[in-house]
Amino acid sequence: MQHLITPPSFPPVLTVHATKRSQQRGIRREHQAAVFAHGDIERAVGGGCYRLSISQQRLMGLVREGAISAQIADRCRKLAVITDGASIVTNYKSSL
């Protein structure tokens, strides 16, 4: 993955806002970490941040390689994280 801003820190740091939204939306930390580590779709969203998600092709490859389980891949399929490259600012489940 080529991050637009800076190389990722791992495990990713969640802002207070991201932690609150994760709890409200039922998004687990391990799923956020998978998207942060393996995300291959990046879109600039402004304010020095970008939207990060994982393509279906990448998810299938990660499952084949044994990097993540099929269950985690399913949970990450529509998950998007907004990041500044060093921390997760917020996250949500995309309807697309």
PDB file of N, CA and C in Angstrom:
ATOM      1  N   MET A   1       0.833  -1.167   0.000  1.00  0.00           N
ATOM      2  CA  MET A   1       0.000   0.000   0.000  1.00  0.00           C
ATOM      3  C   MET A   1       0.882   1.237   0.000  1.00  0.00           C
ATOM      4  N   GLN A   2       0.516   2.213  -0.761  1.00  0.00           N
ATOM      5  CA  GLN A   2       1.251   3.469  -0.814  1.00  0.00           C
ATOM      6  C   GLN A   2       0.374   4.564  -0.206  1.00  0.00           C
ATOM      7  N   HIS A   3       0.731   4.989   0.986  1.00  0.00           N
ATOM      8  CA  HIS A   3      -0.060   6.013   1.657  1.00  0.00           C
ATOM      9  C   HIS A   3       0.262   7.389   1.092  1.00  0.00           C
ATOM     10  N   LEU A   4      -0.766   8.212   0.966  1.00  0.00           N
ATOM     11  CA  LEU A   4      -0.606   9.547   0.412  1.00  0.00           C
ATOM     12  C   LEU A   4       0.149  10.482   1.350  1.00  0.00           C
ATOM     13  N   ILE A   5      -0.014  10.293   2.642  1.00  0.00           N
ATOM     14  CA  ILE A   5       0.539  11.250   3.598  1.00  0.00           C
ATOM     15  C   ILE A   5       1.869  10.754   4.157  1.00  0.00           C
ATOM     16  N   THR A   6       1.852   9.797   5.041  1.00  0.00           N
ATOM     17  CA  THR A   6       3.054   9.276   5.681  1.00  0.00           C
ATOM     18  C   THR A   6       2.916   7.768   5.825  1.00  0.00           C
ATOM     19  N   PRO A   7       4.018   7.064   6.026  1.00  0.00           N
ATOM     20  CA  PRO A   7       3.907   5.625   6.257  1.00  0.00           C
ATOM     21  C   PRO A   7       3.090   5.370   7.520  1.00  0.00           C
ATOM     22  N   PRO A   8       2.325   4.273   7.560  1.00  0.00           N
ATOM     23  CA  PRO A   8       1.465   4.024   8.709  1.00  0.00           C
ATOM     24  C   PRO A   8       2.237   3.613   9.949  1.00  0.00           C
ATOM     25  N   SER A   9       1.725   4.002  11.110  1.00  0.00           N
ATOM     26  CA  SER A   9       2.240   3.475  12.364  1.00  0.00           C
ATOM     27  C   SER A   9       1.403   2.246  12.681  1.00  0.00           C
ATOM     28  N   PHE A  10       1.971   1.287  13.379  1.00  0.00           N
ATOM     29  CA  PHE A  10       1.191   0.097  13.676  1.00  0.00           C
ATOM     30  C   PHE A  10       1.479  -0.350  15.084  1.00  0.00           C
ATOM     31  N   PRO A  11       0.492  -0.669  15.884  1.00  0.00           N
ATOM     32  CA  PRO A  11      -0.932  -0.576  15.566  1.00  0.00           C
ATOM     33  C   PRO A  11      -1.355   0.888  15.456  1.00  0.00           C
ATOM     34  N   PRO A  12      -2.371   1.139  14.653  1.00  0.00           N
ATOM     35  CA  PRO A  12      -2.793   2.521  14.463  1.00  0.00           C
ATOM     36  C   PRO A  12      -3.373   3.116  15.752  1.00  0.00           C
ATOM     37  N   VAL A  13      -3.108   4.376  15.956  1.00  0.00           N
ATOM     38  CA  VAL A  13      -3.648   5.108  17.097  1.00  0.00           C
ATOM     39  C   VAL A  13      -5.023   5.631  16.698  1.00  0.00           C
ATOM     40  N   LEU A  14      -5.999   5.470  17.581  1.00  0.00           N
ATOM     41  CA  LEU A  14      -7.336   5.999  17.326  1.00  0.00           C
ATOM     42  C   LEU A  14      -7.507   7.302  18.095  1.00  0.00           C
ATOM     43  N   THR A  15      -8.065   8.287  17.428  1.00  0.00           N
ATOM     44  CA  THR A  15      -8.397   9.527  18.123  1.00  0.00           C
ATOM     45  C   THR A  15      -9.584   9.249  19.042  1.00  0.00           C
ATOM     46  N   VAL A  16      -9.863  10.188  19.931  1.00  0.00           N
ATOM     47  CA  VAL A  16     -11.019  10.052  20.819  1.00  0.00           C
ATOM     48  C   VAL A  16     -12.288   9.938  19.985  1.00  0.00           C
ATOM     49  N   HIS A  17     -12.376  10.744  18.939  1.00  0.00           N
ATOM     50  CA  HIS A  17     -13.542  10.710  18.051  1.00  0.00           C
ATOM     51  C   HIS A  17     -13.689   9.332  17.406  1.00  0.00           C
ATOM     52  N   ALA A  18     -12.596   8.784  16.894  1.00  0.00           N
ATOM     53  CA  ALA A  18     -12.646   7.474  16.235  1.00  0.00           C
ATOM     54  C   ALA A  18     -13.050   6.379  17.222  1.00  0.00           C
ATOM     55  N   THR A  19     -12.564   6.462  18.437  1.00  0.00           N
ATOM     56  CA  THR A  19     -12.923   5.481  19.456  1.00  0.00           C
ATOM     57  C   THR A  19     -14.419   5.528  19.743  1.00  0.00           C
ATOM     58  N   LYS A  20     -14.938   6.728  19.887  1.00  0.00           N
ATOM     59  CA  LYS A  20     -16.367   6.899  20.162  1.00  0.00           C
ATOM     60  C   LYS A  20     -17.210   6.372  19.002  1.00  0.00           C
ATOM     61  N   ARG A  21     -16.845   6.726  17.780  1.00  0.00           N
ATOM     62  CA  ARG A  21     -17.604   6.280  16.612  1.00  0.00           C
ATOM     63  C   ARG A  21     -17.511   4.763  16.436  1.00  0.00           C
ATOM     64  N   SER A  22     -16.357   4.190  16.728  1.00  0.00           N
ATOM     65  CA  SER A  22     -16.196   2.733  16.639  1.00  0.00           C
ATOM     66  C   SER A  22     -17.171   2.032  17.565  1.00  0.00           C
ATOM     67  N   GLN A  23     -17.277   2.537  18.778  1.00  0.00           N
ATOM     68  CA  GLN A  23     -18.195   1.941  19.748  1.00  0.00           C
ATOM     69  C   GLN A  23     -19.638   2.093  19.294  1.00  0.00           C
ATOM     70  N   GLN A  24     -19.991   3.266  18.793  1.00  0.00           N
ATOM     71  CA  GLN A  24     -21.359   3.516  18.338  1.00  0.00           C
ATOM     72  C   GLN A  24     -21.727   2.655  17.143  1.00  0.00           C
ATOM     73  N   ARG A  25     -20.768   2.395  16.267  1.00  0.00           N
ATOM     74  CA  ARG A  25     -21.033   1.699  15.014  1.00  0.00           C
ATOM     75  C   ARG A  25     -20.687   0.216  15.058  1.00  0.00           C
ATOM     76  N   GLY A  26     -20.194  -0.257  16.180  1.00  0.00           N
ATOM     77  CA  GLY A  26     -19.869  -1.677  16.319  1.00  0.00           C
ATOM     78  C   GLY A  26     -18.701  -2.118  15.457  1.00  0.00           C
ATOM     79  N   ILE A  27     -17.709  -1.259  15.302  1.00  0.00           N
ATOM     80  CA  ILE A  27     -16.541  -1.566  14.478  1.00  0.00           C
ATOM     81  C   ILE A  27     -15.403  -1.984  15.403  1.00  0.00           C
ATOM     82  N   ARG A  28     -14.912  -3.198  15.202  1.00  0.00           N
ATOM     83  CA  ARG A  28     -13.862  -3.738  16.070  1.00  0.00           C
ATOM     84  C   ARG A  28     -12.487  -3.220  15.684  1.00  0.00           C
ATOM     85  N   ARG A  29     -11.638  -3.138  16.681  1.00  0.00           N
ATOM     86  CA  ARG A  29     -10.269  -2.648  16.518  1.00  0.00           C
ATOM     87  C   ARG A  29      -9.488  -3.481  15.487  1.00  0.00           C
ATOM     88  N   GLU A  30      -9.647  -4.802  15.529  1.00  0.00           N
ATOM     89  CA  GLU A  30      -8.901  -5.659  14.606  1.00  0.00           C
ATOM     90  C   GLU A  30      -9.293  -5.409  13.148  1.00  0.00           C
ATOM     91  N   HIS A  31     -10.544  -5.033  12.917  1.00  0.00           N
ATOM     92  CA  HIS A  31     -10.994  -4.737  11.556  1.00  0.00           C
ATOM     93  C   HIS A  31     -10.414  -3.407  11.082  1.00  0.00           C
ATOM     94  N   GLN A  32     -10.371  -2.428  11.979  1.00  0.00           N
ATOM     95  CA  GLN A  32      -9.754  -1.146  11.642  1.00  0.00           C
ATOM     96  C   GLN A  32      -8.276  -1.334  11.322  1.00  0.00           C
ATOM     97  N   ALA A  33      -7.600  -2.134  12.127  1.00  0.00           N
ATOM     98  CA  ALA A  33      -6.166  -2.383  11.918  1.00  0.00           C
ATOM     99  C   ALA A  33      -5.922  -3.073  10.574  1.00  0.00           C
ATOM    100  N   ALA A  34      -6.814  -3.999  10.191  1.00  0.00           N
ATOM    101  CA  ALA A  34      -6.663  -4.692   8.905  1.00  0.00           C
ATOM    102  C   ALA A  34      -6.793  -3.712   7.744  1.00  0.00           C
ATOM    103  N   VAL A  35      -7.785  -2.830   7.819  1.00  0.00           N
ATOM    104  CA  VAL A  35      -7.956  -1.831   6.753  1.00  0.00           C
ATOM    105  C   VAL A  35      -6.766  -0.879   6.735  1.00  0.00           C
ATOM    106  N   PHE A  36      -6.314  -0.463   7.894  1.00  0.00           N
ATOM    107  CA  PHE A  36      -5.181   0.457   7.994  1.00  0.00           C
ATOM    108  C   PHE A  36      -3.904  -0.166   7.420  1.00  0.00           C
ATOM    109  N   ALA A  37      -3.697  -1.446   7.696  1.00  0.00           N
ATOM    110  CA  ALA A  37      -2.478  -2.130   7.242  1.00  0.00           C
ATOM    111  C   ALA A  37      -2.531  -2.556   5.784  1.00  0.00           C
ATOM    112  N   HIS A  38      -3.709  -2.985   5.299  1.00  0.00           N
ATOM    113  CA  HIS A  38      -3.803  -3.595   3.974  1.00  0.00           C
ATOM    114  C   HIS A  38      -4.599  -2.778   2.967  1.00  0.00           C
ATOM    115  N   GLY A  39      -5.112  -1.632   3.378  1.00  0.00           N
ATOM    116  CA  GLY A  39      -5.938  -0.829   2.478  1.00  0.00           C
ATOM    117  C   GLY A  39      -5.209  -0.485   1.183  1.00  0.00           C
ATOM    118  N   ASP A  40      -5.921  -0.604   0.078  1.00  0.00           N
ATOM    119  CA  ASP A  40      -5.316  -0.309  -1.216  1.00  0.00           C
ATOM    120  C   ASP A  40      -6.101   0.732  -2.009  1.00  0.00           C
ATOM    121  N   ILE A  41      -7.168   1.248  -1.445  1.00  0.00           N
ATOM    122  CA  ILE A  41      -7.941   2.309  -2.098  1.00  0.00           C
ATOM    123  C   ILE A  41      -7.851   3.548  -1.223  1.00  0.00           C
ATOM    124  N   GLU A  42      -7.241   4.590  -1.742  1.00  0.00           N
ATOM    125  CA  GLU A  42      -7.055   5.834  -1.002  1.00  0.00           C
ATOM    126  C   GLU A  42      -7.692   6.985  -1.758  1.00  0.00           C
ATOM    127  N   ARG A  43      -8.445   7.792  -1.040  1.00  0.00           N
ATOM    128  CA  ARG A  43      -9.068   8.988  -1.616  1.00  0.00           C
ATOM    129  C   ARG A  43      -8.845  10.156  -0.679  1.00  0.00           C
ATOM    130  N   ALA A  44      -8.309  11.237  -1.180  1.00  0.00           N
ATOM    131  CA  ALA A  44      -8.121  12.431  -0.358  1.00  0.00           C
ATOM    132  C   ALA A  44      -9.489  12.976   0.042  1.00  0.00           C
ATOM    133  N   VAL A  45      -9.640  13.321   1.321  1.00  0.00           N
ATOM    134  CA  VAL A  45     -10.915  13.846   1.810  1.00  0.00           C
ATOM    135  C   VAL A  45     -10.784  15.252   2.382  1.00  0.00           C
ATOM    136  N   GLY A  46      -9.593  15.814   2.338  1.00  0.00           N
ATOM    137  CA  GLY A  46      -9.375  17.177   2.819  1.00  0.00           C
ATOM    138  C   GLY A  46      -8.797  17.202   4.222  1.00  0.00           C
ATOM    139  N   GLY A  47      -8.307  18.346   4.595  1.00  0.00           N
ATOM    140  CA  GLY A  47      -7.738  18.521   5.921  1.00  0.00           C
ATOM    141  C   GLY A  47      -6.508  17.668   6.171  1.00  0.00           C
ATOM    142  N   GLY A  48      -5.816  17.276   5.108  1.00  0.00           N
ATOM    143  CA  GLY A  48      -4.631  16.440   5.256  1.00  0.00           C
ATOM    144  C   GLY A  48      -4.948  14.975   5.528  1.00  0.00           C
ATOM    145  N   CYS A  49      -6.199  14.583   5.356  1.00  0.00           N
ATOM    146  CA  CYS A  49      -6.623  13.210   5.624  1.00  0.00           C
ATOM    147  C   CYS A  49      -7.069  12.521   4.341  1.00  0.00           C
ATOM    148  N   TYR A  50      -7.169  11.201   4.415  1.00  0.00           N
ATOM    149  CA  TYR A  50      -7.669  10.437   3.281  1.00  0.00           C
ATOM    150  C   TYR A  50      -8.485   9.253   3.758  1.00  0.00           C
ATOM    151  N   ARG A  51      -9.382   8.812   2.882  1.00  0.00           N
ATOM    152  CA  ARG A  51     -10.247   7.657   3.130  1.00  0.00           C
ATOM    153  C   ARG A  51      -9.502   6.425   2.655  1.00  0.00           C
ATOM    154  N   LEU A  52      -9.448   5.412   3.484  1.00  0.00           N
ATOM    155  CA  LEU A  52      -8.726   4.191   3.172  1.00  0.00           C
ATOM    156  C   LEU A  52      -9.678   3.002   3.281  1.00  0.00           C
ATOM    157  N   SER A  53      -9.685   2.148   2.256  1.00  0.00           N
ATOM    158  CA  SER A  53     -10.502   0.937   2.267  1.00  0.00           C
ATOM    159  C   SER A  53      -9.764  -0.154   1.492  1.00  0.00           C
ATOM    160  N   ILE A  54     -10.330  -1.360   1.520  1.00  0.00           N
ATOM    161  CA  ILE A  54      -9.690  -2.491   0.854  1.00  0.00           C
ATOM    162  C   ILE A  54     -10.579  -2.966  -0.290  1.00  0.00           C
ATOM    163  N   SER A  55      -9.996  -3.159  -1.460  1.00  0.00           N
ATOM    164  CA  SER A  55     -10.745  -3.662  -2.614  1.00  0.00           C
ATOM    165  C   SER A  55     -11.086  -5.135  -2.417  1.00  0.00           C
ATOM    166  N   GLN A  56     -12.112  -5.577  -3.116  1.00  0.00           N
ATOM    167  CA  GLN A  56     -12.539  -6.982  -3.051  1.00  0.00           C
ATOM    168  C   GLN A  56     -11.412  -7.907  -3.507  1.00  0.00           C
ATOM    169  N   GLN A  57     -10.689  -7.519  -4.540  1.00  0.00           N
ATOM    170  CA  GLN A  57      -9.589  -8.344  -5.048  1.00  0.00           C
ATOM    171  C   GLN A  57      -8.494  -8.494  -3.991  1.00  0.00           C
ATOM    172  N   ARG A  58      -8.170  -7.403  -3.322  1.00  0.00           N
ATOM    173  CA  ARG A  58      -7.133  -7.443  -2.283  1.00  0.00           C
ATOM    174  C   ARG A  58      -7.590  -8.321  -1.116  1.00  0.00           C
ATOM    175  N   LEU A  59      -8.865  -8.192  -0.724  1.00  0.00           N
ATOM    176  CA  LEU A  59      -9.387  -9.016   0.367  1.00  0.00           C
ATOM    177  C   LEU A  59      -9.279 -10.504   0.031  1.00  0.00           C
ATOM    178  N   MET A  60      -9.651 -10.876  -1.194  1.00  0.00           N
ATOM    179  CA  MET A  60      -9.569 -12.283  -1.600  1.00  0.00           C
ATOM    180  C   MET A  60      -8.119 -12.766  -1.558  1.00  0.00           C
ATOM    181  N   GLY A  61      -7.193 -11.917  -1.999  1.00  0.00           N
ATOM    182  CA  GLY A  61      -5.779 -12.275  -1.959  1.00  0.00           C
ATOM    183  C   GLY A  61      -5.272 -12.456  -0.531  1.00  0.00           C
ATOM    184  N   LEU A  62      -5.697 -11.596   0.367  1.00  0.00           N
ATOM    185  CA  LEU A  62      -5.279 -11.700   1.772  1.00  0.00           C
ATOM    186  C   LEU A  62      -5.800 -12.981   2.417  1.00  0.00           C
ATOM    187  N   VAL A  63      -7.018 -13.362   2.064  1.00  0.00           N
ATOM    188  CA  VAL A  63      -7.583 -14.610   2.590  1.00  0.00           C
ATOM    189  C   VAL A  63      -6.809 -15.796   2.035  1.00  0.00           C
ATOM    190  N   ARG A  64      -6.527 -15.783   0.724  1.00  0.00           N
ATOM    191  CA  ARG A  64      -5.756 -16.873   0.105  1.00  0.00           C
ATOM    192  C   ARG A  64      -4.376 -17.015   0.740  1.00  0.00           C
ATOM    193  N   GLU A  65      -3.739 -15.866   1.032  1.00  0.00           N
ATOM    194  CA  GLU A  65      -2.401 -15.870   1.630  1.00  0.00           C
ATOM    195  C   GLU A  65      -2.424 -16.251   3.101  1.00  0.00           C
ATOM    196  N   GLY A  66      -3.604 -16.221   3.700  1.00  0.00           N
ATOM    197  CA  GLY A  66      -3.710 -16.521   5.125  1.00  0.00           C
ATOM    198  C   GLY A  66      -3.402 -15.325   6.018  1.00  0.00           C
ATOM    199  N   ALA A  67      -3.328 -14.142   5.425  1.00  0.00           N
ATOM    200  CA  ALA A  67      -3.027 -12.936   6.199  1.00  0.00           C
ATOM    201  C   ALA A  67      -4.199 -12.532   7.092  1.00  0.00           C
ATOM    202  N   ILE A  68      -5.420 -12.765   6.626  1.00  0.00           N
ATOM    203  CA  ILE A  68      -6.614 -12.513   7.420  1.00  0.00           C
ATOM    204  C   ILE A  68      -7.610 -13.646   7.167  1.00  0.00           C
ATOM    205  N   SER A  69      -8.525 -13.817   8.113  1.00  0.00           N
ATOM    206  CA  SER A  69      -9.543 -14.869   7.951  1.00  0.00           C
ATOM    207  C   SER A  69     -10.657 -14.381   7.033  1.00  0.00           C
ATOM    208  N   ALA A  70     -11.442 -15.314   6.536  1.00  0.00           N
ATOM    209  CA  ALA A  70     -12.579 -14.965   5.680  1.00  0.00           C
ATOM    210  C   ALA A  70     -13.587 -14.119   6.455  1.00  0.00           C
ATOM    211  N   GLN A  71     -13.737 -14.386   7.737  1.00  0.00           N
ATOM    212  CA  GLN A  71     -14.669 -13.618   8.564  1.00  0.00           C
ATOM    213  C   GLN A  71     -14.216 -12.161   8.691  1.00  0.00           C
ATOM    214  N   ILE A  72     -12.946 -11.952   8.932  1.00  0.00           N
ATOM    215  CA  ILE A  72     -12.426 -10.579   9.020  1.00  0.00           C
ATOM    216  C   ILE A  72     -12.549  -9.900   7.664  1.00  0.00           C
ATOM    217  N   ALA A  73     -12.262 -10.609   6.587  1.00  0.00           N
ATOM    218  CA  ALA A  73     -12.395 -10.035   5.238  1.00  0.00           C
ATOM    219  C   ALA A  73     -13.822  -9.571   4.994  1.00  0.00           C
ATOM    220  N   ASP A  74     -14.792 -10.377   5.418  1.00  0.00           N
ATOM    221  CA  ASP A  74     -16.194 -10.006   5.239  1.00  0.00           C
ATOM    222  C   ASP A  74     -16.526  -8.737   6.013  1.00  0.00           C
ATOM    223  N   ARG A  75     -16.013  -8.612   7.221  1.00  0.00           N
ATOM    224  CA  ARG A  75     -16.270  -7.429   8.045  1.00  0.00           C
ATOM    225  C   ARG A  75     -15.573  -6.177   7.492  1.00  0.00           C
ATOM    226  N   CYS A  76     -14.465  -6.372   6.809  1.00  0.00           N
ATOM    227  CA  CYS A  76     -13.696  -5.239   6.271  1.00  0.00           C
ATOM    228  C   CYS A  76     -14.173  -4.812   4.888  1.00  0.00           C
ATOM    229  N   ARG A  77     -15.049  -5.606   4.286  1.00  0.00           N
ATOM    230  CA  ARG A  77     -15.469  -5.372   2.898  1.00  0.00           C
ATOM    231  C   ARG A  77     -16.012  -3.964   2.679  1.00  0.00           C
ATOM    232  N   LYS A  78     -16.824  -3.457   3.593  1.00  0.00           N
ATOM    233  CA  LYS A  78     -17.413  -2.129   3.426  1.00  0.00           C
ATOM    234  C   LYS A  78     -16.908  -1.132   4.463  1.00  0.00           C
ATOM    235  N   LEU A  79     -15.831  -1.482   5.145  1.00  0.00           N
ATOM    236  CA  LEU A  79     -15.294  -0.601   6.179  1.00  0.00           C
ATOM    237  C   LEU A  79     -14.346   0.429   5.571  1.00  0.00           C
ATOM    238  N   ALA A  80     -14.511   1.665   5.987  1.00  0.00           N
ATOM    239  CA  ALA A  80     -13.605   2.740   5.563  1.00  0.00           C
ATOM    240  C   ALA A  80     -13.071   3.432   6.804  1.00  0.00           C
ATOM    241  N   VAL A  81     -11.798   3.767   6.774  1.00  0.00           N
ATOM    242  CA  VAL A  81     -11.218   4.559   7.849  1.00  0.00           C
ATOM    243  C   VAL A  81     -10.723   5.866   7.251  1.00  0.00           C
ATOM    244  N   ILE A  82     -10.881   6.918   8.016  1.00  0.00           N
ATOM    245  CA  ILE A  82     -10.323   8.213   7.646  1.00  0.00           C
ATOM    246  C   ILE A  82      -9.072   8.377   8.485  1.00  0.00           C
ATOM    247  N   THR A  83      -7.955   8.615   7.815  1.00  0.00           N
ATOM    248  CA  THR A  83      -6.675   8.660   8.502  1.00  0.00           C
ATOM    249  C   THR A  83      -5.831   9.840   8.027  1.00  0.00           C
ATOM    250  N   ASP A  84      -4.922  10.244   8.884  1.00  0.00           N
ATOM    251  CA  ASP A  84      -3.940  11.260   8.512  1.00  0.00           C
ATOM    252  C   ASP A  84      -2.596  10.598   8.211  1.00  0.00           C
ATOM    253  N   GLY A  85      -2.584   9.281   8.202  1.00  0.00           N
ATOM    254  CA  GLY A  85      -1.368   8.516   7.934  1.00  0.00           C
ATOM    255  C   GLY A  85      -0.731   7.969   9.188  1.00  0.00           C
ATOM    256  N   ALA A  86      -1.001   8.610  10.328  1.00  0.00           N
ATOM    257  CA  ALA A  86      -0.429   8.152  11.587  1.00  0.00           C
ATOM    258  C   ALA A  86      -1.493   7.645  12.550  1.00  0.00           C
ATOM    259  N   SER A  87      -2.706   8.155  12.420  1.00  0.00           N
ATOM    260  CA  SER A  87      -3.787   7.743  13.317  1.00  0.00           C
ATOM    261  C   SER A  87      -5.095   7.636  12.542  1.00  0.00           C
ATOM    262  N   ILE A  88      -6.043   6.924  13.134  1.00  0.00           N
ATOM    263  CA  ILE A  88      -7.377   6.824  12.551  1.00  0.00           C
ATOM    264  C   ILE A  88      -8.210   7.940  13.156  1.00  0.00           C
ATOM    265  N   VAL A  89      -8.715   8.826  12.300  1.00  0.00           N
ATOM    266  CA  VAL A  89      -9.492   9.987  12.728  1.00  0.00           C
ATOM    267  C   VAL A  89     -10.945   9.596  12.970  1.00  0.00           C
ATOM    268  N   THR A  90     -11.500   8.792  12.066  1.00  0.00           N
ATOM    269  CA  THR A  90     -12.851   8.253  12.219  1.00  0.00           C
ATOM    270  C   THR A  90     -12.993   7.046  11.321  1.00  0.00           C
ATOM    271  N   ASN A  91     -14.117   6.370  11.402  1.00  0.00           N
ATOM    272  CA  ASN A  91     -14.352   5.184  10.587  1.00  0.00           C
ATOM    273  C   ASN A  91     -15.850   4.996  10.429  1.00  0.00           C
ATOM    274  N   TYR A  92     -16.219   4.273   9.375  1.00  0.00           N
ATOM    275  CA  TYR A  92     -17.632   4.015   9.125  1.00  0.00           C
ATOM    276  C   TYR A  92     -17.778   2.839   8.179  1.00  0.00           C
ATOM    277  N   LYS A  93     -18.989   2.311   8.152  1.00  0.00           N
ATOM    278  CA  LYS A  93     -19.325   1.233   7.219  1.00  0.00           C
ATOM    279  C   LYS A  93     -19.977   1.869   5.999  1.00  0.00           C
ATOM    280  N   SER A  94     -19.328   1.727   4.871  1.00  0.00           N
ATOM    281  CA  SER A  94     -19.797   2.319   3.629  1.00  0.00           C
ATOM    282  C   SER A  94     -21.007   1.568   3.102  1.00  0.00           C
ATOM    283  N   SER A  95     -21.933   2.296   2.506  1.00  0.00           N
ATOM    284  CA  SER A  95     -23.121   1.651   1.932  1.00  0.00           C
ATOM    285  C   SER A  95     -22.892   1.219   0.493  1.00  0.00           C
ATOM    286  N   LEU A  96     -21.750   1.562  -0.087  1.00  0.00           N
ATOM    287  CA  LEU A  96     -21.454   1.206  -1.482  1.00  0.00           C
ATOM    288  C   LEU A  96     -20.797  -0.128  -1.589  1.00  0.00           C
TER     289      LEU A  96
END
